[in-house]
N, C-alpha and C. Protein backbone atom coordinates (compact mmCIF):
# COMPACT_ATOMS: atom_id res chain seq x y z
N MET A 1 103.42 83.36 107.76
CA MET A 1 104.53 83.98 107.21
C MET A 1 105.55 82.90 106.53
N ALA A 2 106.30 83.10 105.67
CA ALA A 2 107.45 82.29 105.49
C ALA A 2 108.43 82.89 105.16
N ARG A 3 109.72 82.33 105.38
CA ARG A 3 110.96 82.82 105.12
C ARG A 3 110.94 83.02 103.57
N PHE A 4 111.81 84.28 103.15
CA PHE A 4 112.12 84.49 102.12
C PHE A 4 111.28 85.19 101.71
N ASP A 5 109.76 85.50 101.86
CA ASP A 5 108.63 85.76 101.38
C ASP A 5 109.01 87.42 101.43
N VAL A 6 108.27 88.03 100.15
CA VAL A 6 108.25 89.47 100.08
C VAL A 6 106.92 90.31 99.86
N TYR A 7 107.20 91.20 100.80
CA TYR A 7 105.85 92.04 100.99
C TYR A 7 106.16 93.53 100.67
N VAL A 8 104.51 94.30 100.39
CA VAL A 8 104.98 95.96 100.06
C VAL A 8 105.08 96.51 101.24
N ASN A 9 105.93 97.39 100.99
CA ASN A 9 106.50 98.23 102.12
C ASN A 9 105.49 98.95 102.57
N PRO A 10 105.40 99.21 103.60
CA PRO A 10 103.87 100.11 104.20
C PRO A 10 104.56 101.56 104.69
N GLY A 11 105.91 101.31 104.39
CA GLY A 11 106.41 102.94 105.23
C GLY A 11 106.54 103.63 104.38
N SER A 12 107.31 105.07 104.57
CA SER A 12 107.51 105.77 104.36
C SER A 12 108.37 106.55 102.65
N TYR A 13 108.71 105.19 102.96
CA TYR A 13 110.03 104.84 101.90
C TYR A 13 109.47 104.19 100.46
N ALA A 14 108.68 103.61 100.23
CA ALA A 14 108.04 102.77 99.45
C ALA A 14 107.69 103.37 98.16
N ALA A 15 107.95 104.52 97.60
CA ALA A 15 108.08 104.84 96.24
C ALA A 15 109.63 104.55 95.68
N THR A 16 110.66 104.29 96.24
CA THR A 16 112.13 104.05 96.48
C THR A 16 112.01 102.48 96.34
N THR A 17 111.54 102.09 97.67
CA THR A 17 111.59 100.89 98.18
C THR A 17 111.12 99.94 98.19
N PRO A 18 109.61 99.84 97.39
CA PRO A 18 108.79 99.39 97.46
C PRO A 18 108.59 98.17 97.97
N TYR A 19 109.93 97.07 98.16
CA TYR A 19 109.07 95.72 99.00
C TYR A 19 110.42 95.41 99.53
N LEU A 20 109.49 94.64 100.68
CA LEU A 20 110.50 94.20 102.11
C LEU A 20 110.41 92.55 102.09
N LEU A 21 111.94 92.14 102.33
CA LEU A 21 111.94 90.46 102.39
C LEU A 21 112.09 90.26 103.84
N ASP A 22 111.38 88.97 104.02
CA ASP A 22 111.14 88.77 105.31
C ASP A 22 112.51 87.22 105.18
N VAL A 23 113.49 87.72 105.94
CA VAL A 23 114.56 86.85 106.34
C VAL A 23 114.76 86.46 107.52
N GLN A 24 113.61 86.19 108.33
CA GLN A 24 113.80 85.81 110.16
C GLN A 24 113.01 84.13 109.64
N SER A 25 113.94 83.27 110.69
CA SER A 25 113.47 81.76 110.96
C SER A 25 112.51 81.82 111.02
N ASP A 26 111.10 80.83 110.13
CA ASP A 26 110.05 80.87 110.32
C ASP A 26 110.11 79.89 111.99
N LEU A 27 110.78 79.29 112.52
CA LEU A 27 110.60 79.11 113.83
C LEU A 27 110.52 80.03 114.54
N LEU A 28 110.68 81.02 114.67
CA LEU A 28 110.14 82.65 115.09
C LEU A 28 109.05 83.34 115.20
N ASP A 29 108.11 82.51 114.06
CA ASP A 29 107.10 83.16 114.23
C ASP A 29 106.01 83.77 115.38
N VAL A 30 106.40 83.02 116.16
CA VAL A 30 105.51 83.67 117.54
C VAL A 30 106.16 85.16 118.31
N LEU A 31 107.10 85.23 117.29
CA LEU A 31 107.57 87.01 117.70
C LEU A 31 106.68 88.18 117.38
N ASP A 32 106.20 88.96 117.56
CA ASP A 32 105.70 89.88 117.02
C ASP A 32 106.50 91.33 116.53
N SER A 33 107.48 90.59 115.99
CA SER A 33 108.57 91.50 114.96
C SER A 33 109.37 90.65 113.96
N CYS A 34 109.60 91.15 112.95
CA CYS A 34 109.79 90.52 112.34
C CYS A 34 111.66 90.82 111.57
N MET A 35 112.77 89.94 111.11
CA MET A 35 113.64 90.97 110.26
C MET A 35 113.25 90.83 108.96
N VAL A 36 113.74 92.04 108.25
CA VAL A 36 113.56 92.39 107.19
C VAL A 36 114.39 92.98 106.09
N ILE A 37 114.95 92.71 104.66
CA ILE A 37 115.54 93.42 104.11
C ILE A 37 115.09 94.17 103.13
N PRO A 38 115.11 95.86 103.06
CA PRO A 38 114.51 96.09 102.02
C PRO A 38 115.11 96.07 100.41
N LEU A 39 114.29 96.29 99.64
CA LEU A 39 114.05 95.93 98.34
C LEU A 39 114.03 97.13 97.62
N ARG A 40 115.18 98.00 96.98
CA ARG A 40 115.70 98.94 96.44
C ARG A 40 115.74 99.17 95.10
N SER A 41 114.41 99.77 94.50
CA SER A 41 114.63 100.00 93.03
C SER A 41 116.06 100.31 92.32
N LEU A 42 116.58 98.91 91.55
CA LEU A 42 117.45 99.83 91.10
C LEU A 42 117.77 101.53 90.74
N GLU A 43 116.81 101.65 89.83
CA GLU A 43 116.71 103.14 89.29
C GLU A 43 116.63 104.46 90.39
N HIS A 44 117.12 104.26 91.89
CA HIS A 44 116.52 104.83 92.73
C HIS A 44 117.72 104.88 93.40
N PHE A 45 118.98 104.19 93.58
CA PHE A 45 120.19 103.82 94.15
C PHE A 45 121.13 104.46 93.41
N PRO A 46 121.94 105.06 94.43
CA PRO A 46 123.07 105.67 93.93
C PRO A 46 124.09 104.95 92.95
N LYS A 47 124.43 105.80 92.75
CA LYS A 47 125.86 104.93 91.67
C LYS A 47 127.45 104.41 92.23
N VAL A 48 127.16 103.64 93.58
CA VAL A 48 128.37 103.13 93.97
C VAL A 48 128.40 102.08 93.82
N LYS A 49 129.61 101.70 94.18
CA LYS A 49 130.42 100.01 94.26
C LYS A 49 130.17 99.47 95.56
N LEU A 50 129.16 98.92 95.24
CA LEU A 50 128.86 97.44 96.67
C LEU A 50 129.28 96.10 96.01
N PRO A 51 129.64 95.40 97.54
CA PRO A 51 129.97 93.90 96.89
C PRO A 51 128.73 93.29 95.90
N GLY A 52 128.31 92.56 95.32
CA GLY A 52 127.46 91.77 94.57
C GLY A 52 127.00 90.95 95.44
N ARG A 53 128.09 90.10 96.33
CA ARG A 53 127.54 89.17 97.08
C ARG A 53 126.78 89.43 98.32
N LEU A 54 126.90 91.09 98.48
CA LEU A 54 126.25 91.56 100.03
C LEU A 54 125.21 92.21 99.20
N THR A 55 125.08 92.62 98.22
CA THR A 55 123.78 93.26 97.94
C THR A 55 123.47 92.87 96.33
N PRO A 56 122.59 91.48 96.39
CA PRO A 56 122.33 90.97 95.24
C PRO A 56 121.79 91.58 94.81
N VAL A 57 121.23 91.62 93.15
CA VAL A 57 119.95 91.89 92.47
C VAL A 57 118.50 91.05 92.05
N VAL A 58 117.79 91.42 92.66
CA VAL A 58 116.85 90.48 92.31
C VAL A 58 115.20 91.27 90.92
N THR A 59 114.52 90.64 90.59
CA THR A 59 113.79 90.58 89.80
C THR A 59 112.51 90.66 89.85
N ILE A 60 111.64 91.81 90.08
CA ILE A 60 110.32 91.50 90.50
C ILE A 60 109.21 92.34 89.86
N LYS A 61 108.53 91.44 88.61
CA LYS A 61 107.52 91.96 88.07
C LYS A 61 108.26 92.75 87.22
N GLY A 62 109.48 92.29 86.57
CA GLY A 62 110.34 92.58 85.18
C GLY A 62 111.18 93.73 85.72
N GLN A 63 111.10 94.44 87.08
CA GLN A 63 111.72 95.19 87.26
C GLN A 63 113.15 94.74 88.12
N ASP A 64 114.51 95.35 88.32
CA ASP A 64 115.20 95.45 88.83
C ASP A 64 115.32 95.61 90.44
N PHE A 65 115.15 95.04 91.28
CA PHE A 65 115.59 94.97 93.05
C PHE A 65 116.57 95.09 93.59
N LEU A 66 117.73 96.07 94.19
CA LEU A 66 118.39 95.79 95.16
C LEU A 66 118.67 95.41 96.50
N LEU A 67 119.07 94.17 97.01
CA LEU A 67 118.79 94.06 98.23
C LEU A 67 119.99 94.43 99.23
N GLU A 68 119.20 95.49 99.56
CA GLU A 68 119.93 96.29 100.73
C GLU A 68 120.64 95.59 102.20
N THR A 69 121.14 94.69 101.88
CA THR A 69 121.26 94.00 103.28
C THR A 69 121.56 94.59 104.27
N PRO A 70 122.88 95.50 104.40
CA PRO A 70 123.46 96.44 105.21
C PRO A 70 121.92 96.72 106.15
N LYS A 71 121.03 97.47 105.54
CA LYS A 71 119.64 98.25 106.25
C LYS A 71 118.81 97.91 106.62
N MET A 72 119.24 96.26 106.65
CA MET A 72 118.01 95.20 107.50
C MET A 72 117.74 95.65 108.91
N GLY A 73 116.40 95.21 108.88
CA GLY A 73 116.03 95.57 110.49
C GLY A 73 114.81 95.04 110.79
N ALA A 74 114.28 94.87 112.10
CA ALA A 74 113.32 94.53 112.66
C ALA A 74 112.07 95.80 111.93
N ILE A 75 110.75 94.88 111.65
CA ILE A 75 109.73 95.65 111.96
C ILE A 75 108.60 95.14 112.65
N PRO A 76 107.81 95.64 113.07
CA PRO A 76 106.27 95.07 113.39
C PRO A 76 105.63 93.92 112.53
N ARG A 77 105.19 92.38 113.14
CA ARG A 77 104.90 91.85 111.94
C ARG A 77 103.45 91.52 111.37
N ARG A 78 102.75 92.61 112.50
CA ARG A 78 101.33 93.38 111.44
C ARG A 78 101.53 93.85 110.57
N LEU A 79 102.47 94.57 110.21
CA LEU A 79 102.46 95.71 108.96
C LEU A 79 102.80 94.98 107.81
N LEU A 80 103.08 93.82 108.01
CA LEU A 80 103.30 92.74 106.57
C LEU A 80 102.47 92.00 106.70
N THR A 81 101.37 92.60 105.25
CA THR A 81 99.95 91.80 105.34
C THR A 81 100.55 90.62 104.46
N MET A 82 99.76 90.74 103.26
CA MET A 82 100.10 89.49 102.05
C MET A 82 100.98 89.36 101.26
N PRO A 83 101.92 88.11 101.28
CA PRO A 83 102.91 88.11 100.48
C PRO A 83 103.26 88.52 98.91
N VAL A 84 103.95 89.59 98.41
CA VAL A 84 103.68 89.34 97.16
C VAL A 84 104.28 87.96 96.10
N LEU A 85 105.29 87.69 96.70
CA LEU A 85 105.82 86.55 96.02
C LEU A 85 107.03 86.01 96.98
N SER A 86 107.35 84.69 96.77
CA SER A 86 108.34 84.31 97.49
C SER A 86 109.86 84.36 96.53
N LEU A 87 111.22 84.47 97.09
CA LEU A 87 112.31 84.63 96.65
C LEU A 87 113.13 83.16 97.54
N ARG A 88 111.99 82.58 97.59
CA ARG A 88 112.85 80.74 98.36
C ARG A 88 114.24 80.15 97.20
N ASP A 89 113.86 80.44 96.10
CA ASP A 89 114.61 79.93 95.12
C ASP A 89 115.77 80.44 95.00
N MET A 90 116.02 81.69 95.62
CA MET A 90 117.35 82.50 95.73
C MET A 90 118.13 82.65 97.16
N GLN A 91 117.63 81.70 98.02
CA GLN A 91 117.98 81.34 99.27
C GLN A 91 119.45 80.65 99.26
N PRO A 92 120.13 80.55 98.63
CA PRO A 92 121.97 80.65 98.74
C PRO A 92 122.45 81.95 98.65
N GLU A 93 121.55 82.75 97.86
CA GLU A 93 122.57 84.11 97.45
C GLU A 93 121.78 85.22 98.64
N ILE A 94 120.56 84.79 98.93
CA ILE A 94 120.43 85.33 100.09
C ILE A 94 121.25 84.77 101.37
N THR A 95 121.37 83.96 102.02
CA THR A 95 121.57 83.43 102.91
C THR A 95 123.34 84.11 103.14
N SER A 96 123.64 84.01 101.69
CA SER A 96 125.45 83.97 101.41
C SER A 96 125.40 85.91 101.59
N ALA A 97 124.79 86.86 101.74
CA ALA A 97 124.68 88.24 102.15
C ALA A 97 124.58 88.23 102.96
N LEU A 98 123.84 87.58 103.76
CA LEU A 98 123.14 87.86 105.34
C LEU A 98 124.87 87.32 105.68
N ASP A 99 125.35 86.16 105.59
CA ASP A 99 126.95 85.42 106.31
C ASP A 99 127.87 86.42 106.01
N PHE A 100 127.53 87.15 104.35
CA PHE A 100 129.01 88.10 104.32
C PHE A 100 128.64 90.04 105.31
N LEU A 101 126.94 89.43 105.22
CA LEU A 101 127.19 91.19 106.86
C LEU A 101 127.56 90.35 107.95
N PHE A 102 127.24 89.04 108.43
CA PHE A 102 127.76 89.02 109.78
C PHE A 102 129.05 88.75 109.92
N HIS A 103 129.48 87.79 108.89
CA HIS A 103 130.37 86.42 108.78
C HIS A 103 132.04 87.38 108.60
N GLY A 104 131.62 88.47 107.27
CA GLY A 104 132.61 88.12 106.20
C GLY A 104 133.21 87.66 105.42
N TYR A 105 132.53 86.55 105.20
CA TYR A 105 132.77 84.67 104.72
C TYR A 105 131.17 84.89 103.62
């Protein structure tokens, strides 16, 4: 597993939130859980104003998804199988969203 890899969501909300983004440090691969940010389809997201820095938009297979950074959580690592793609090129935006969530800047 690699930080910033995207996986298919194995949970019950996969219809509206089909992907999960691994944001946990690669140094902690020995843990049996990992922190993920849900990637929710924009078409299934309520029309509310959220800070763009907190919830950046990513495009996967031509469809836009919102990083629901405030809804991040830990899941068992065994539920994440093969990565769909990597968002490593978006590391600055993802890290900024995490900093904004935890530190307010």
